């Protein structure tokens, strides 16, 4: 005996997927920029300081694309080529500041951003 399965709701699912795409595209750039600024501020408070060059090299880079906007928080430049080593080497003692100075604030802020996205999604689908 053959079984027949009927799938319904494809149109509604497509509509909801389009809605998700619209929400993602509308995620205000100013909201993302604010998050990047908060991460940079916290990171600059945590970065180990010897001469101050590493702390001063912290910056936000904005990139626009068809998919939206990206804000990158970064440390280092041509003169400060050791930012990654200082960030990653957890075996080095720093009299001030800590390794993972960028990862720590990023992880802290991630939950706030996830909550904001979750709330936007709930509002869109209720």
PDB file of N, CA and C in Angstrom:
ATOM      1  N   UNK A   1       0.843  -1.177   0.000  1.00  0.00           N
ATOM      2  CA  UNK A   1       0.000   0.000   0.000  1.00  0.00           C
ATOM      3  C   UNK A   1       0.890   1.242   0.000  1.00  0.00           C
ATOM      4  N   UNK A   2       0.692   2.102  -0.968  1.00  0.00           N
ATOM      5  CA  UNK A   2       1.472   3.327  -1.101  1.00  0.00           C
ATOM      6  C   UNK A   2       0.993   4.369  -0.112  1.00  0.00           C
ATOM      7  N   UNK A   3       1.950   5.108   0.425  1.00  0.00           N
ATOM      8  CA  UNK A   3       1.599   6.197   1.333  1.00  0.00           C
ATOM      9  C   UNK A   3       1.797   7.513   0.610  1.00  0.00           C
ATOM     10  N   UNK A   4       0.967   8.419   0.937  1.00  0.00           N
ATOM     11  CA  UNK A   4       1.030   9.735   0.304  1.00  0.00           C
ATOM     12  C   UNK A   4       1.247  10.779   1.390  1.00  0.00           C
ATOM     13  N   UNK A   5       2.232  11.635   1.170  1.00  0.00           N
ATOM     14  CA  UNK A   5       2.512  12.718   2.103  1.00  0.00           C
ATOM     15  C   UNK A   5       2.309  14.036   1.370  1.00  0.00           C
ATOM     16  N   UNK A   6       1.600  14.909   2.000  1.00  0.00           N
ATOM     17  CA  UNK A   6       1.332  16.215   1.404  1.00  0.00           C
ATOM     18  C   UNK A   6       1.973  17.280   2.288  1.00  0.00           C
ATOM     19  N   UNK A   7       2.822  18.068   1.682  1.00  0.00           N
ATOM     20  CA  UNK A   7       3.459  19.172   2.408  1.00  0.00           C
ATOM     21  C   UNK A   7       2.716  20.452   2.084  1.00  0.00           C
ATOM     22  N   UNK A   8       2.332  21.141   3.103  1.00  0.00           N
ATOM     23  CA  UNK A   8       1.666  22.424   2.909  1.00  0.00           C
ATOM     24  C   UNK A   8       2.442  23.490   3.679  1.00  0.00           C
ATOM     25  N   UNK A   9       2.170  24.686   3.375  1.00  0.00           N
ATOM     26  CA  UNK A   9       2.797  25.779   4.114  1.00  0.00           C
ATOM     27  C   UNK A   9       4.101  26.276   3.512  1.00  0.00           C
ATOM     28  N   UNK A  10       4.465  25.787   2.331  1.00  0.00           N
ATOM     29  CA  UNK A  10       5.709  26.223   1.703  1.00  0.00           C
ATOM     30  C   UNK A  10       5.678  27.735   1.457  1.00  0.00           C
ATOM     31  N   UNK A  11       4.551  28.236   1.011  1.00  0.00           N
ATOM     32  CA  UNK A  11       4.432  29.681   0.765  1.00  0.00           C
ATOM     33  C   UNK A  11       4.656  30.481   2.035  1.00  0.00           C
ATOM     34  N   UNK A  12       4.070  30.018   3.130  1.00  0.00           N
ATOM     35  CA  UNK A  12       4.238  30.713   4.415  1.00  0.00           C
ATOM     36  C   UNK A  12       5.695  30.645   4.876  1.00  0.00           C
ATOM     37  N   UNK A  13       6.327  29.495   4.679  1.00  0.00           N
ATOM     38  CA  UNK A  13       7.723  29.349   5.061  1.00  0.00           C
ATOM     39  C   UNK A  13       8.610  30.310   4.251  1.00  0.00           C
ATOM     40  N   UNK A  14       8.345  30.411   2.958  1.00  0.00           N
ATOM     41  CA  UNK A  14       9.111  31.341   2.131  1.00  0.00           C
ATOM     42  C   UNK A  14       8.918  32.779   2.602  1.00  0.00           C
ATOM     43  N   UNK A  15       7.681  33.105   2.947  1.00  0.00           N
ATOM     44  CA  UNK A  15       7.376  34.450   3.443  1.00  0.00           C
ATOM     45  C   UNK A  15       8.166  34.728   4.725  1.00  0.00           C
ATOM     46  N   UNK A  16       8.209  33.762   5.618  1.00  0.00           N
ATOM     47  CA  UNK A  16       8.938  33.948   6.871  1.00  0.00           C
ATOM     48  C   UNK A  16      10.442  34.057   6.626  1.00  0.00           C
ATOM     49  N   UNK A  17      10.964  33.303   5.685  1.00  0.00           N
ATOM     50  CA  UNK A  17      12.384  33.404   5.357  1.00  0.00           C
ATOM     51  C   UNK A  17      12.712  34.779   4.782  1.00  0.00           C
ATOM     52  N   UNK A  18      11.825  35.296   3.952  1.00  0.00           N
ATOM     53  CA  UNK A  18      12.026  36.651   3.421  1.00  0.00           C
ATOM     54  C   UNK A  18      12.006  37.676   4.555  1.00  0.00           C
ATOM     55  N   UNK A  19      11.118  37.454   5.519  1.00  0.00           N
ATOM     56  CA  UNK A  19      11.026  38.350   6.666  1.00  0.00           C
ATOM     57  C   UNK A  19      12.341  38.330   7.460  1.00  0.00           C
ATOM     58  N   UNK A  20      12.905  37.128   7.650  1.00  0.00           N
ATOM     59  CA  UNK A  20      14.183  37.006   8.352  1.00  0.00           C
ATOM     60  C   UNK A  20      15.292  37.758   7.620  1.00  0.00           C
ATOM     61  N   UNK A  21      15.307  37.628   6.309  1.00  0.00           N
ATOM     62  CA  UNK A  21      16.312  38.317   5.511  1.00  0.00           C
ATOM     63  C   UNK A  21      16.160  39.824   5.658  1.00  0.00           C
ATOM     64  N   UNK A  22      14.918  40.310   5.635  1.00  0.00           N
ATOM     65  CA  UNK A  22      14.674  41.748   5.803  1.00  0.00           C
ATOM     66  C   UNK A  22      15.142  42.223   7.171  1.00  0.00           C
ATOM     67  N   UNK A  23      14.866  41.438   8.211  1.00  0.00           N
ATOM     68  CA  UNK A  23      15.286  41.818   9.570  1.00  0.00           C
ATOM     69  C   UNK A  23      16.806  41.906   9.633  1.00  0.00           C
ATOM     70  N   UNK A  24      17.476  40.917   9.064  1.00  0.00           N
ATOM     71  CA  UNK A  24      18.941  40.907   9.082  1.00  0.00           C
ATOM     72  C   UNK A  24      19.504  42.121   8.350  1.00  0.00           C
ATOM     73  N   UNK A  25      18.914  42.473   7.228  1.00  0.00           N
ATOM     74  CA  UNK A  25      19.408  43.622   6.461  1.00  0.00           C
ATOM     75  C   UNK A  25      19.122  44.940   7.177  1.00  0.00           C
ATOM     76  N   UNK A  26      18.022  44.968   7.943  1.00  0.00           N
ATOM     77  CA  UNK A  26      17.642  46.214   8.616  1.00  0.00           C
ATOM     78  C   UNK A  26      18.313  46.376   9.967  1.00  0.00           C
ATOM     79  N   UNK A  27      19.032  45.336  10.426  1.00  0.00           N
ATOM     80  CA  UNK A  27      19.709  45.477  11.718  1.00  0.00           C
ATOM     81  C   UNK A  27      20.488  46.781  11.641  1.00  0.00           C
ATOM     82  N   UNK A  28      20.064  47.740  12.393  1.00  0.00           N
ATOM     83  CA  UNK A  28      20.619  49.076  12.222  1.00  0.00           C
ATOM     84  C   UNK A  28      22.138  49.110  12.349  1.00  0.00           C
ATOM     85  N   UNK A  29      22.760  49.747  11.379  1.00  0.00           N
ATOM     86  CA  UNK A  29      24.213  49.884  11.401  1.00  0.00           C
ATOM     87  C   UNK A  29      24.657  50.614  12.665  1.00  0.00           C
ATOM     88  N   UNK A  30      23.834  51.548  13.108  1.00  0.00           N
ATOM     89  CA  UNK A  30      24.220  52.292  14.318  1.00  0.00           C
ATOM     90  C   UNK A  30      24.248  51.381  15.537  1.00  0.00           C
ATOM     91  N   UNK A  31      23.373  50.357  15.558  1.00  0.00           N
ATOM     92  CA  UNK A  31      23.371  49.401  16.669  1.00  0.00           C
ATOM     93  C   UNK A  31      24.647  48.563  16.650  1.00  0.00           C
ATOM     94  N   UNK A  32      25.031  48.105  15.470  1.00  0.00           N
ATOM     95  CA  UNK A  32      26.259  47.327  15.345  1.00  0.00           C
ATOM     96  C   UNK A  32      27.489  48.183  15.648  1.00  0.00           C
ATOM     97  N   UNK A  33      27.450  49.436  15.199  1.00  0.00           N
ATOM     98  CA  UNK A  33      28.571  50.336  15.478  1.00  0.00           C
ATOM     99  C   UNK A  33      28.709  50.572  16.980  1.00  0.00           C
ATOM    100  N   UNK A  34      27.577  50.724  17.656  1.00  0.00           N
ATOM    101  CA  UNK A  34      27.598  50.921  19.107  1.00  0.00           C
ATOM    102  C   UNK A  34      28.236  49.713  19.797  1.00  0.00           C
ATOM    103  N   UNK A  35      27.880  48.516  19.345  1.00  0.00           N
ATOM    104  CA  UNK A  35      28.478  47.304  19.917  1.00  0.00           C
ATOM    105  C   UNK A  35      29.980  47.299  19.696  1.00  0.00           C
ATOM    106  N   UNK A  36      30.403  47.638  18.482  1.00  0.00           N
ATOM    107  CA  UNK A  36      31.840  47.676  18.175  1.00  0.00           C
ATOM    108  C   UNK A  36      32.554  48.705  19.051  1.00  0.00           C
ATOM    109  N   UNK A  37      31.929  49.856  19.254  1.00  0.00           N
ATOM    110  CA  UNK A  37      32.533  50.893  20.102  1.00  0.00           C
ATOM    111  C   UNK A  37      32.654  50.432  21.548  1.00  0.00           C
ATOM    112  N   UNK A  38      31.639  49.725  22.035  1.00  0.00           N
ATOM    113  CA  UNK A  38      31.680  49.202  23.412  1.00  0.00           C
ATOM    114  C   UNK A  38      32.780  48.150  23.555  1.00  0.00           C
ATOM    115  N   UNK A  39      32.897  47.280  22.559  1.00  0.00           N
ATOM    116  CA  UNK A  39      33.945  46.252  22.592  1.00  0.00           C
ATOM    117  C   UNK A  39      35.319  46.909  22.584  1.00  0.00           C
ATOM    118  N   UNK A  40      35.515  47.905  21.718  1.00  0.00           N
ATOM    119  CA  UNK A  40      36.808  48.600  21.651  1.00  0.00           C
ATOM    120  C   UNK A  40      37.126  49.279  22.979  1.00  0.00           C
ATOM    121  N   UNK A  41      36.140  49.944  23.557  1.00  0.00           N
ATOM    122  CA  UNK A  41      36.349  50.644  24.836  1.00  0.00           C
ATOM    123  C   UNK A  41      36.771  49.659  25.931  1.00  0.00           C
ATOM    124  N   UNK A  42      36.049  48.548  26.039  1.00  0.00           N
ATOM    125  CA  UNK A  42      36.391  47.545  27.051  1.00  0.00           C
ATOM    126  C   UNK A  42      37.760  46.943  26.772  1.00  0.00           C
ATOM    127  N   UNK A  43      38.058  46.674  25.502  1.00  0.00           N
ATOM    128  CA  UNK A  43      39.348  46.084  25.140  1.00  0.00           C
ATOM    129  C   UNK A  43      40.490  47.034  25.486  1.00  0.00           C
ATOM    130  N   UNK A  44      40.300  48.323  25.254  1.00  0.00           N
ATOM    131  CA  UNK A  44      41.348  49.282  25.572  1.00  0.00           C
ATOM    132  C   UNK A  44      41.589  49.376  27.076  1.00  0.00           C
ATOM    133  N   UNK A  45      40.569  49.073  27.871  1.00  0.00           N
ATOM    134  CA  UNK A  45      40.755  49.020  29.322  1.00  0.00           C
ATOM    135  C   UNK A  45      41.511  47.762  29.744  1.00  0.00           C
ATOM    136  N   UNK A  46      41.434  46.694  28.943  1.00  0.00           N
ATOM    137  CA  UNK A  46      42.049  45.410  29.298  1.00  0.00           C
ATOM    138  C   UNK A  46      43.413  45.177  28.656  1.00  0.00           C
ATOM    139  N   UNK A  47      43.729  45.888  27.582  1.00  0.00           N
ATOM    140  CA  UNK A  47      44.966  45.631  26.842  1.00  0.00           C
ATOM    141  C   UNK A  47      46.188  45.938  27.721  1.00  0.00           C
ATOM    142  N   UNK A  48      47.185  45.037  27.712  1.00  0.00           N
ATOM    143  CA  UNK A  48      48.415  45.323  28.463  1.00  0.00           C
ATOM    144  C   UNK A  48      49.103  46.573  27.912  1.00  0.00           C
ATOM    145  N   UNK A  49      49.625  47.387  28.808  1.00  0.00           N
ATOM    146  CA  UNK A  49      50.246  48.641  28.398  1.00  0.00           C
ATOM    147  C   UNK A  49      51.698  48.663  28.863  1.00  0.00           C
ATOM    148  N   UNK A  50      52.588  48.857  27.902  1.00  0.00           N
ATOM    149  CA  UNK A  50      54.003  49.087  28.196  1.00  0.00           C
ATOM    150  C   UNK A  50      54.326  50.498  27.727  1.00  0.00           C
ATOM    151  N   UNK A  51      54.267  50.703  26.416  1.00  0.00           N
ATOM    152  CA  UNK A  51      54.522  52.050  25.860  1.00  0.00           C
ATOM    153  C   UNK A  51      53.224  52.781  25.533  1.00  0.00           C
ATOM    154  N   UNK A  52      52.118  52.045  25.447  1.00  0.00           N
ATOM    155  CA  UNK A  52      50.835  52.637  25.064  1.00  0.00           C
ATOM    156  C   UNK A  52      50.536  52.507  23.577  1.00  0.00           C
ATOM    157  N   UNK A  53      51.511  52.029  22.804  1.00  0.00           N
ATOM    158  CA  UNK A  53      51.315  51.912  21.359  1.00  0.00           C
ATOM    159  C   UNK A  53      50.245  50.885  21.007  1.00  0.00           C
ATOM    160  N   UNK A  54      50.229  49.777  21.719  1.00  0.00           N
ATOM    161  CA  UNK A  54      49.226  48.747  21.442  1.00  0.00           C
ATOM    162  C   UNK A  54      47.830  49.279  21.724  1.00  0.00           C
ATOM    163  N   UNK A  55      47.647  49.892  22.861  1.00  0.00           N
ATOM    164  CA  UNK A  55      46.340  50.468  23.200  1.00  0.00           C
ATOM    165  C   UNK A  55      45.912  51.501  22.158  1.00  0.00           C
ATOM    166  N   UNK A  56      46.841  52.349  21.760  1.00  0.00           N
ATOM    167  CA  UNK A  56      46.533  53.407  20.788  1.00  0.00           C
ATOM    168  C   UNK A  56      46.221  52.851  19.399  1.00  0.00           C
ATOM    169  N   UNK A  57      46.656  51.626  19.112  1.00  0.00           N
ATOM    170  CA  UNK A  57      46.427  51.060  17.774  1.00  0.00           C
ATOM    171  C   UNK A  57      45.026  50.482  17.601  1.00  0.00           C
ATOM    172  N   UNK A  58      44.249  50.410  18.667  1.00  0.00           N
ATOM    173  CA  UNK A  58      42.894  49.871  18.578  1.00  0.00           C
ATOM    174  C   UNK A  58      42.009  50.737  17.696  1.00  0.00           C
ATOM    175  N   UNK A  59      41.235  50.082  16.836  1.00  0.00           N
ATOM    176  CA  UNK A  59      40.369  50.852  15.938  1.00  0.00           C
ATOM    177  C   UNK A  59      39.202  49.986  15.454  1.00  0.00           C
ATOM    178  N   UNK A  60      38.247  50.661  14.848  1.00  0.00           N
ATOM    179  CA  UNK A  60      37.090  50.002  14.238  1.00  0.00           C
ATOM    180  C   UNK A  60      37.161  50.246  12.738  1.00  0.00           C
ATOM    181  N   UNK A  61      37.017  49.170  11.988  1.00  0.00           N
ATOM    182  CA  UNK A  61      37.007  49.268  10.531  1.00  0.00           C
ATOM    183  C   UNK A  61      35.601  48.926  10.051  1.00  0.00           C
ATOM    184  N   UNK A  62      35.011  49.824   9.264  1.00  0.00           N
ATOM    185  CA  UNK A  62      33.666  49.609   8.727  1.00  0.00           C
ATOM    186  C   UNK A  62      33.781  49.153   7.278  1.00  0.00           C
ATOM    187  N   UNK A  63      33.067  48.084   6.952  1.00  0.00           N
ATOM    188  CA  UNK A  63      33.038  47.581   5.579  1.00  0.00           C
ATOM    189  C   UNK A  63      31.591  47.441   5.141  1.00  0.00           C
ATOM    190  N   UNK A  64      31.261  48.061   4.006  1.00  0.00           N
ATOM    191  CA  UNK A  64      29.915  47.959   3.439  1.00  0.00           C
ATOM    192  C   UNK A  64      29.932  46.926   2.322  1.00  0.00           C
ATOM    193  N   UNK A  65      28.860  46.139   2.252  1.00  0.00           N
ATOM    194  CA  UNK A  65      28.707  45.177   1.166  1.00  0.00           C
ATOM    195  C   UNK A  65      27.221  45.032   0.865  1.00  0.00           C
ATOM    196  N   UNK A  66      26.896  44.260  -0.136  1.00  0.00           N
ATOM    197  CA  UNK A  66      25.488  44.047  -0.480  1.00  0.00           C
ATOM    198  C   UNK A  66      24.751  43.339   0.649  1.00  0.00           C
ATOM    199  N   UNK A  67      25.459  42.511   1.395  1.00  0.00           N
ATOM    200  CA  UNK A  67      24.838  41.786   2.497  1.00  0.00           C
ATOM    201  C   UNK A  67      24.617  42.627   3.733  1.00  0.00           C
ATOM    202  N   UNK A  68      25.157  43.820   3.764  1.00  0.00           N
ATOM    203  CA  UNK A  68      24.999  44.687   4.922  1.00  0.00           C
ATOM    204  C   UNK A  68      26.314  45.353   5.284  1.00  0.00           C
ATOM    205  N   UNK A  69      26.438  45.692   6.544  1.00  0.00           N
ATOM    206  CA  UNK A  69      27.629  46.386   7.016  1.00  0.00           C
ATOM    207  C   UNK A  69      28.327  45.509   8.058  1.00  0.00           C
ATOM    208  N   UNK A  70      29.657  45.567   8.053  1.00  0.00           N
ATOM    209  CA  UNK A  70      30.459  44.822   9.017  1.00  0.00           C
ATOM    210  C   UNK A  70      31.371  45.800   9.735  1.00  0.00           C
ATOM    211  N   UNK A  71      31.439  45.675  11.047  1.00  0.00           N
ATOM    212  CA  UNK A  71      32.369  46.460  11.845  1.00  0.00           C
ATOM    213  C   UNK A  71      33.382  45.500  12.454  1.00  0.00           C
ATOM    214  N   UNK A  72      34.655  45.754  12.195  1.00  0.00           N
ATOM    215  CA  UNK A  72      35.728  44.919  12.722  1.00  0.00           C
ATOM    216  C   UNK A  72      36.492  45.713  13.764  1.00  0.00           C
ATOM    217  N   UNK A  73      36.641  45.150  14.960  1.00  0.00           N
ATOM    218  CA  UNK A  73      37.439  45.768  16.012  1.00  0.00           C
ATOM    219  C   UNK A  73      38.805  45.095  15.963  1.00  0.00           C
ATOM    220  N   UNK A  74      39.838  45.889  15.864  1.00  0.00           N
ATOM    221  CA  UNK A  74      41.171  45.322  15.687  1.00  0.00           C
ATOM    222  C   UNK A  74      42.226  46.140  16.422  1.00  0.00           C
ATOM    223  N   UNK A  75      43.335  45.493  16.698  1.00  0.00           N
ATOM    224  CA  UNK A  75      44.502  46.143  17.295  1.00  0.00           C
ATOM    225  C   UNK A  75      45.709  45.804  16.436  1.00  0.00           C
ATOM    226  N   UNK A  76      46.659  46.725  16.390  1.00  0.00           N
ATOM    227  CA  UNK A  76      47.886  46.500  15.646  1.00  0.00           C
ATOM    228  C   UNK A  76      47.920  47.302  14.369  1.00  0.00           C
ATOM    229  N   UNK A  77      49.136  47.518  13.881  1.00  0.00           N
ATOM    230  CA  UNK A  77      49.390  48.217  12.616  1.00  0.00           C
ATOM    231  C   UNK A  77      50.828  47.898  12.219  1.00  0.00           C
ATOM    232  N   UNK A  78      51.375  48.626  11.251  1.00  0.00           N
ATOM    233  CA  UNK A  78      52.747  48.358  10.811  1.00  0.00           C
ATOM    234  C   UNK A  78      53.748  48.494  11.947  1.00  0.00           C
ATOM    235  N   UNK A  79      53.534  49.468  12.812  1.00  0.00           N
ATOM    236  CA  UNK A  79      54.463  49.695  13.923  1.00  0.00           C
ATOM    237  C   UNK A  79      54.185  48.793  15.121  1.00  0.00           C
ATOM    238  N   UNK A  80      52.963  48.333  15.228  1.00  0.00           N
ATOM    239  CA  UNK A  80      52.562  47.467  16.342  1.00  0.00           C
ATOM    240  C   UNK A  80      52.204  46.102  15.752  1.00  0.00           C
ATOM    241  N   UNK A  81      53.246  45.362  15.389  1.00  0.00           N
ATOM    242  CA  UNK A  81      53.030  44.075  14.727  1.00  0.00           C
ATOM    243  C   UNK A  81      52.960  42.904  15.714  1.00  0.00           C
ATOM    244  N   UNK A  82      52.887  43.206  16.988  1.00  0.00           N
ATOM    245  CA  UNK A  82      52.876  42.178  18.028  1.00  0.00           C
ATOM    246  C   UNK A  82      51.514  42.029  18.710  1.00  0.00           C
ATOM    247  N   UNK A  83      50.493  42.691  18.204  1.00  0.00           N
ATOM    248  CA  UNK A  83      49.173  42.672  18.842  1.00  0.00           C
ATOM    249  C   UNK A  83      48.638  41.250  19.003  1.00  0.00           C
ATOM    250  N   UNK A  84      48.767  40.439  17.965  1.00  0.00           N
ATOM    251  CA  UNK A  84      48.240  39.072  18.025  1.00  0.00           C
ATOM    252  C   UNK A  84      48.989  38.233  19.071  1.00  0.00           C
ATOM    253  N   UNK A  85      50.288  38.407  19.162  1.00  0.00           N
ATOM    254  CA  UNK A  85      51.074  37.649  20.143  1.00  0.00           C
ATOM    255  C   UNK A  85      50.642  38.011  21.559  1.00  0.00           C
ATOM    256  N   UNK A  86      50.515  39.299  21.825  1.00  0.00           N
ATOM    257  CA  UNK A  86      50.096  39.753  23.164  1.00  0.00           C
ATOM    258  C   UNK A  86      48.693  39.237  23.476  1.00  0.00           C
ATOM    259  N   UNK A  87      47.817  39.252  22.484  1.00  0.00           N
ATOM    260  CA  UNK A  87      46.443  38.796  22.688  1.00  0.00           C
ATOM    261  C   UNK A  87      46.381  37.300  22.972  1.00  0.00           C
ATOM    262  N   UNK A  88      47.150  36.517  22.255  1.00  0.00           N
ATOM    263  CA  UNK A  88      47.026  35.054  22.318  1.00  0.00           C
ATOM    264  C   UNK A  88      47.869  34.376  23.391  1.00  0.00           C
ATOM    265  N   UNK A  89      48.999  34.945  23.760  1.00  0.00           N
ATOM    266  CA  UNK A  89      49.914  34.264  24.685  1.00  0.00           C
ATOM    267  C   UNK A  89      49.449  34.422  26.131  1.00  0.00           C
ATOM    268  N   UNK A  90      48.787  33.392  26.615  1.00  0.00           N
ATOM    269  CA  UNK A  90      48.229  33.447  27.973  1.00  0.00           C
ATOM    270  C   UNK A  90      49.249  33.054  29.036  1.00  0.00           C
ATOM    271  N   UNK A  91      50.448  32.701  28.635  1.00  0.00           N
ATOM    272  CA  UNK A  91      51.477  32.310  29.595  1.00  0.00           C
ATOM    273  C   UNK A  91      52.330  33.490  30.058  1.00  0.00           C
ATOM    274  N   UNK A  92      52.193  34.618  29.388  1.00  0.00           N
ATOM    275  CA  UNK A  92      52.970  35.802  29.745  1.00  0.00           C
ATOM    276  C   UNK A  92      52.237  36.573  30.834  1.00  0.00           C
ATOM    277  N   UNK A  93      52.989  36.965  31.878  1.00  0.00           N
ATOM    278  CA  UNK A  93      52.419  37.787  32.945  1.00  0.00           C
ATOM    279  C   UNK A  93      52.484  39.247  32.527  1.00  0.00           C
ATOM    280  N   UNK A  94      51.390  39.950  32.708  1.00  0.00           N
ATOM    281  CA  UNK A  94      51.330  41.393  32.437  1.00  0.00           C
ATOM    282  C   UNK A  94      51.039  42.100  33.751  1.00  0.00           C
ATOM    283  N   UNK A  95      51.847  43.092  34.098  1.00  0.00           N
ATOM    284  CA  UNK A  95      51.606  43.826  35.345  1.00  0.00           C
ATOM    285  C   UNK A  95      50.318  44.638  35.266  1.00  0.00           C
ATOM    286  N   UNK A  96      49.886  44.932  34.066  1.00  0.00           N
ATOM    287  CA  UNK A  96      48.579  45.571  33.861  1.00  0.00           C
ATOM    288  C   UNK A  96      48.006  45.007  32.566  1.00  0.00           C
ATOM    289  N   UNK A  97      46.740  44.826  32.531  1.00  0.00           N
ATOM    290  CA  UNK A  97      46.096  44.266  31.352  1.00  0.00           C
ATOM    291  C   UNK A  97      46.181  42.748  31.330  1.00  0.00           C
ATOM    292  N   UNK A  98      45.519  42.158  30.326  1.00  0.00           N
ATOM    293  CA  UNK A  98      45.446  40.700  30.229  1.00  0.00           C
ATOM    294  C   UNK A  98      45.513  40.256  28.773  1.00  0.00           C
ATOM    295  N   UNK A  99      45.910  38.989  28.589  1.00  0.00           N
ATOM    296  CA  UNK A  99      45.792  38.382  27.268  1.00  0.00           C
ATOM    297  C   UNK A  99      44.296  38.255  26.975  1.00  0.00           C
ATOM    298  N   UNK A 100      43.960  38.015  25.741  1.00  0.00           N
ATOM    299  CA  UNK A 100      42.552  37.901  25.307  1.00  0.00           C
ATOM    300  C   UNK A 100      41.785  39.194  25.564  1.00  0.00           C
ATOM    301  N   UNK A 101      42.493  40.322  25.532  1.00  0.00           N
ATOM    302  CA  UNK A 101      41.896  41.630  25.810  1.00  0.00           C
ATOM    303  C   UNK A 101      40.779  41.994  24.842  1.00  0.00           C
ATOM    304  N   UNK A 102      40.755  41.383  23.677  1.00  0.00           N
ATOM    305  CA  UNK A 102      39.687  41.644  22.707  1.00  0.00           C
ATOM    306  C   UNK A 102      38.593  40.577  22.796  1.00  0.00           C
ATOM    307  N   UNK A 103      38.970  39.350  23.027  1.00  0.00           N
ATOM    308  CA  UNK A 103      37.997  38.253  23.115  1.00  0.00           C
ATOM    309  C   UNK A 103      37.076  38.406  24.326  1.00  0.00           C
ATOM    310  N   UNK A 104      37.616  38.867  25.430  1.00  0.00           N
ATOM    311  CA  UNK A 104      36.817  38.987  26.661  1.00  0.00           C
ATOM    312  C   UNK A 104      35.636  39.941  26.471  1.00  0.00           C
ATOM    313  N   UNK A 105      35.846  41.178  26.013  1.00  0.00           N
ATOM    314  CA  UNK A 105      34.681  42.053  25.825  1.00  0.00           C
ATOM    315  C   UNK A 105      33.758  41.582  24.702  1.00  0.00           C
ATOM    316  N   UNK A 106      34.325  40.953  23.667  1.00  0.00           N
ATOM    317  CA  UNK A 106      33.483  40.421  22.598  1.00  0.00           C
ATOM    318  C   UNK A 106      32.535  39.373  23.164  1.00  0.00           C
ATOM    319  N   UNK A 107      33.057  38.465  23.968  1.00  0.00           N
ATOM    320  CA  UNK A 107      32.209  37.429  24.569  1.00  0.00           C
ATOM    321  C   UNK A 107      31.162  38.026  25.502  1.00  0.00           C
ATOM    322  N   UNK A 108      31.535  39.055  26.241  1.00  0.00           N
ATOM    323  CA  UNK A 108      30.575  39.718  27.138  1.00  0.00           C
ATOM    324  C   UNK A 108      29.435  40.361  26.349  1.00  0.00           C
ATOM    325  N   UNK A 109      29.761  41.030  25.261  1.00  0.00           N
ATOM    326  CA  UNK A 109      28.766  41.767  24.484  1.00  0.00           C
ATOM    327  C   UNK A 109      27.922  40.850  23.601  1.00  0.00           C
ATOM    328  N   UNK A 110      28.434  39.676  23.293  1.00  0.00           N
ATOM    329  CA  UNK A 110      27.724  38.749  22.405  1.00  0.00           C
ATOM    330  C   UNK A 110      26.324  38.433  22.938  1.00  0.00           C
ATOM    331  N   UNK A 111      26.195  38.209  24.227  1.00  0.00           N
ATOM    332  CA  UNK A 111      24.884  37.870  24.792  1.00  0.00           C
ATOM    333  C   UNK A 111      23.885  39.009  24.640  1.00  0.00           C
ATOM    334  N   UNK A 112      24.338  40.236  24.841  1.00  0.00           N
ATOM    335  CA  UNK A 112      23.447  41.395  24.680  1.00  0.00           C
ATOM    336  C   UNK A 112      22.974  41.507  23.234  1.00  0.00           C
ATOM    337  N   UNK A 113      23.875  41.268  22.295  1.00  0.00           N
ATOM    338  CA  UNK A 113      23.508  41.354  20.887  1.00  0.00           C
ATOM    339  C   UNK A 113      22.558  40.220  20.507  1.00  0.00           C
ATOM    340  N   UNK A 114      22.814  39.020  20.996  1.00  0.00           N
ATOM    341  CA  UNK A 114      21.909  37.897  20.718  1.00  0.00           C
ATOM    342  C   UNK A 114      20.510  38.184  21.265  1.00  0.00           C
ATOM    343  N   UNK A 115      20.452  38.762  22.453  1.00  0.00           N
ATOM    344  CA  UNK A 115      19.156  39.093  23.052  1.00  0.00           C
ATOM    345  C   UNK A 115      18.417  40.112  22.192  1.00  0.00           C
ATOM    346  N   UNK A 116      19.130  41.105  21.710  1.00  0.00           N
ATOM    347  CA  UNK A 116      18.520  42.133  20.864  1.00  0.00           C
ATOM    348  C   UNK A 116      17.970  41.512  19.579  1.00  0.00           C
ATOM    349  N   UNK A 117      18.740  40.647  18.942  1.00  0.00           N
ATOM    350  CA  UNK A 117      18.290  39.989  17.708  1.00  0.00           C
ATOM    351  C   UNK A 117      17.077  39.117  18.002  1.00  0.00           C
ATOM    352  N   UNK A 118      17.125  38.386  19.093  1.00  0.00           N
ATOM    353  CA  UNK A 118      15.994  37.527  19.487  1.00  0.00           C
ATOM    354  C   UNK A 118      14.721  38.352  19.665  1.00  0.00           C
ATOM    355  N   UNK A 119      14.828  39.503  20.330  1.00  0.00           N
ATOM    356  CA  UNK A 119      13.668  40.363  20.546  1.00  0.00           C
ATOM    357  C   UNK A 119      13.126  40.895  19.222  1.00  0.00           C
ATOM    358  N   UNK A 120      14.018  41.253  18.310  1.00  0.00           N
ATOM    359  CA  UNK A 120      13.586  41.744  16.997  1.00  0.00           C
ATOM    360  C   UNK A 120      12.831  40.648  16.241  1.00  0.00           C
ATOM    361  N   UNK A 121      13.330  39.423  16.327  1.00  0.00           N
ATOM    362  CA  UNK A 121      12.667  38.312  15.664  1.00  0.00           C
ATOM    363  C   UNK A 121      11.289  38.035  16.272  1.00  0.00           C
ATOM    364  N   UNK A 122      11.214  38.070  17.591  1.00  0.00           N
ATOM    365  CA  UNK A 122       9.934  37.829  18.258  1.00  0.00           C
ATOM    366  C   UNK A 122       8.905  38.889  17.855  1.00  0.00           C
ATOM    367  N   UNK A 123       9.324  40.139  17.801  1.00  0.00           N
ATOM    368  CA  UNK A 123       8.412  41.210  17.386  1.00  0.00           C
ATOM    369  C   UNK A 123       7.961  41.020  15.946  1.00  0.00           C
ATOM    370  N   UNK A 124       8.857  40.535  15.105  1.00  0.00           N
ATOM    371  CA  UNK A 124       8.524  40.369  13.683  1.00  0.00           C
ATOM    372  C   UNK A 124       7.528  39.248  13.458  1.00  0.00           C
ATOM    373  N   UNK A 125       7.551  38.231  14.295  1.00  0.00           N
ATOM    374  CA  UNK A 125       6.711  37.057  14.055  1.00  0.00           C
ATOM    375  C   UNK A 125       5.536  36.938  15.020  1.00  0.00           C
ATOM    376  N   UNK A 126       5.295  37.979  15.789  1.00  0.00           N
ATOM    377  CA  UNK A 126       4.123  37.938  16.675  1.00  0.00           C
ATOM    378  C   UNK A 126       3.128  38.999  16.288  1.00  0.00           C
TER     379      UNK A 126
END
